[in-house]
Amino acid sequence: MPMIHKPMGLDEFKQLLRGADANKDGGLSQAELWKALKVTGIGFAWFRAWLSLRKFDLNRNGVIDGDREQEKLLRYAEQNWNIIVK
């Protein structure tokens, strides 16, 4: 499984996700998440964004929003994408 070229800290990852919220609605669509992951150099960014939305969009509104959904995404990123969560 391809990994990010260098580990990324939690704050850096959160900042990346906030910056990816193009319409400033507080949530991440699949396209917004894909663009953020693509910037990191992570492999299969489109697929990972698609899968993340399927796994973590708990209310099925088409975006990862709310503390619970975002926390689940962060924990998954820590375990699978070489993100260091402190």
C-alpha atoms as a PDB file:
ATOM      1  CA  MET A   1       0.000   0.000   0.000  1.00  0.00           C
ATOM      2  CA  PRO A   2       1.571   3.338  -1.024  1.00  0.00           C
ATOM      3  CA  MET A   3       2.256   5.782   1.776  1.00  0.00           C
ATOM      4  CA  ILE A   4       2.805   9.493   2.018  1.00  0.00           C
ATOM      5  CA  HIS A   5       6.417  10.246   1.167  1.00  0.00           C
ATOM      6  CA  LYS A   6       7.055  11.714   4.622  1.00  0.00           C
ATOM      7  CA  PRO A   7       5.009  11.447   7.807  1.00  0.00           C
ATOM      8  CA  MET A   8       2.615  14.318   8.400  1.00  0.00           C
ATOM      9  CA  GLY A   9       1.660  15.618  11.829  1.00  0.00           C
ATOM     10  CA  LEU A  10      -1.924  15.900  12.996  1.00  0.00           C
ATOM     11  CA  ASP A  11      -1.953  19.701  12.942  1.00  0.00           C
ATOM     12  CA  GLU A  12      -0.477  19.763   9.453  1.00  0.00           C
ATOM     13  CA  PHE A  13      -3.073  17.238   8.254  1.00  0.00           C
ATOM     14  CA  LYS A  14      -5.953  19.172   9.854  1.00  0.00           C
ATOM     15  CA  GLN A  15      -4.711  22.377   8.231  1.00  0.00           C
ATOM     16  CA  LEU A  16      -4.554  20.605   4.887  1.00  0.00           C
ATOM     17  CA  LEU A  17      -8.150  19.416   5.298  1.00  0.00           C
ATOM     18  CA  ARG A  18      -9.372  22.886   6.356  1.00  0.00           C
ATOM     19  CA  GLY A  19      -7.680  24.370   3.310  1.00  0.00           C
ATOM     20  CA  ALA A  20      -9.325  21.773   1.086  1.00  0.00           C
ATOM     21  CA  ASP A  21     -12.807  22.936   2.113  1.00  0.00           C
ATOM     22  CA  ALA A  22     -13.205  25.057  -1.027  1.00  0.00           C
ATOM     23  CA  ASN A  23     -16.779  26.199  -0.372  1.00  0.00           C
ATOM     24  CA  LYS A  24     -16.135  26.803   3.363  1.00  0.00           C
ATOM     25  CA  ASP A  25     -19.164  24.778   4.462  1.00  0.00           C
ATOM     26  CA  GLY A  26     -17.246  22.955   7.190  1.00  0.00           C
ATOM     27  CA  GLY A  27     -17.356  19.599   5.435  1.00  0.00           C
ATOM     28  CA  LEU A  28     -15.257  17.743   2.906  1.00  0.00           C
ATOM     29  CA  SER A  29     -16.779  16.427  -0.280  1.00  0.00           C
ATOM     30  CA  GLN A  30     -15.142  13.574  -2.150  1.00  0.00           C
ATOM     31  CA  ALA A  31     -13.594  16.046  -4.625  1.00  0.00           C
ATOM     32  CA  GLU A  32     -12.255  18.280  -1.853  1.00  0.00           C
ATOM     33  CA  LEU A  33     -10.754  15.332   0.015  1.00  0.00           C
ATOM     34  CA  TRP A  34      -9.266  13.961  -3.213  1.00  0.00           C
ATOM     35  CA  LYS A  35      -7.515  17.275  -3.913  1.00  0.00           C
ATOM     36  CA  ALA A  36      -6.116  17.375  -0.367  1.00  0.00           C
ATOM     37  CA  LEU A  37      -4.812  13.813  -0.560  1.00  0.00           C
ATOM     38  CA  LYS A  38      -3.365  14.397  -4.006  1.00  0.00           C
ATOM     39  CA  VAL A  39      -1.276  17.295  -2.639  1.00  0.00           C
ATOM     40  CA  THR A  40       0.307  14.949  -0.085  1.00  0.00           C
ATOM     41  CA  GLY A  41       1.583  12.622  -2.784  1.00  0.00           C
ATOM     42  CA  ILE A  42      -0.355   9.690  -1.368  1.00  0.00           C
ATOM     43  CA  GLY A  43      -1.043   6.935  -3.873  1.00  0.00           C
ATOM     44  CA  PHE A  44      -4.545   6.187  -5.116  1.00  0.00           C
ATOM     45  CA  ALA A  45      -5.829   9.537  -3.798  1.00  0.00           C
ATOM     46  CA  TRP A  46      -9.110   9.365  -5.747  1.00  0.00           C
ATOM     47  CA  PHE A  47      -9.888   5.872  -4.461  1.00  0.00           C
ATOM     48  CA  ARG A  48      -8.945   6.780  -0.893  1.00  0.00           C
ATOM     49  CA  ALA A  49     -11.222   9.841  -1.006  1.00  0.00           C
ATOM     50  CA  TRP A  50     -14.084   7.754  -2.385  1.00  0.00           C
ATOM     51  CA  LEU A  51     -13.577   5.041   0.233  1.00  0.00           C
ATOM     52  CA  SER A  52     -13.280   7.593   3.053  1.00  0.00           C
ATOM     53  CA  LEU A  53     -16.581   9.156   2.108  1.00  0.00           C
ATOM     54  CA  ARG A  54     -18.244   5.740   2.080  1.00  0.00           C
ATOM     55  CA  LYS A  55     -16.757   4.835   5.475  1.00  0.00           C
ATOM     56  CA  PHE A  56     -17.008   8.115   7.391  1.00  0.00           C
ATOM     57  CA  ASP A  57     -20.010  10.006   6.009  1.00  0.00           C
ATOM     58  CA  LEU A  58     -22.170   8.571   8.761  1.00  0.00           C
ATOM     59  CA  ASN A  59     -25.259  10.681   8.024  1.00  0.00           C
ATOM     60  CA  ARG A  60     -24.927  10.120   4.247  1.00  0.00           C
ATOM     61  CA  ASN A  61     -25.175  13.792   3.336  1.00  0.00           C
ATOM     62  CA  GLY A  62     -22.322  13.595   0.817  1.00  0.00           C
ATOM     63  CA  VAL A  63     -19.634  15.242   2.950  1.00  0.00           C
ATOM     64  CA  ILE A  64     -17.431  14.373   5.901  1.00  0.00           C
ATOM     65  CA  ASP A  65     -18.566  16.907   8.470  1.00  0.00           C
ATOM     66  CA  GLY A  66     -19.091  17.106  12.180  1.00  0.00           C
ATOM     67  CA  ASP A  67     -16.657  16.175  14.899  1.00  0.00           C
ATOM     68  CA  ARG A  68     -17.494  12.463  14.926  1.00  0.00           C
ATOM     69  CA  GLU A  69     -16.995  11.949  11.189  1.00  0.00           C
ATOM     70  CA  GLN A  70     -13.808  14.009  11.119  1.00  0.00           C
ATOM     71  CA  GLU A  71     -12.400  12.183  14.144  1.00  0.00           C
ATOM     72  CA  LYS A  72     -13.020   8.831  12.462  1.00  0.00           C
ATOM     73  CA  LEU A  73     -11.234  10.085   9.331  1.00  0.00           C
ATOM     74  CA  LEU A  74      -8.266  11.286  11.391  1.00  0.00           C
ATOM     75  CA  ARG A  75      -7.969   7.960  13.228  1.00  0.00           C
ATOM     76  CA  TYR A  76      -8.139   6.067   9.944  1.00  0.00           C
ATOM     77  CA  ALA A  77      -5.487   8.344   8.425  1.00  0.00           C
ATOM     78  CA  GLU A  78      -3.244   7.726  11.424  1.00  0.00           C
ATOM     79  CA  GLN A  79      -3.519   3.961  11.075  1.00  0.00           C
ATOM     80  CA  ASN A  80      -3.384   3.707   7.298  1.00  0.00           C
ATOM     81  CA  TRP A  81      -1.836   6.796   5.706  1.00  0.00           C
ATOM     82  CA  ASN A  82       1.272   7.472   7.834  1.00  0.00           C
ATOM     83  CA  ILE A  83      -0.292  10.464   9.603  1.00  0.00           C
ATOM     84  CA  ILE A  84       1.087  11.061  13.096  1.00  0.00           C
ATOM     85  CA  VAL A  85      -1.773  11.907  15.459  1.00  0.00           C
ATOM     86  CA  LYS A  86      -0.635  13.339  18.791  1.00  0.00           C
END
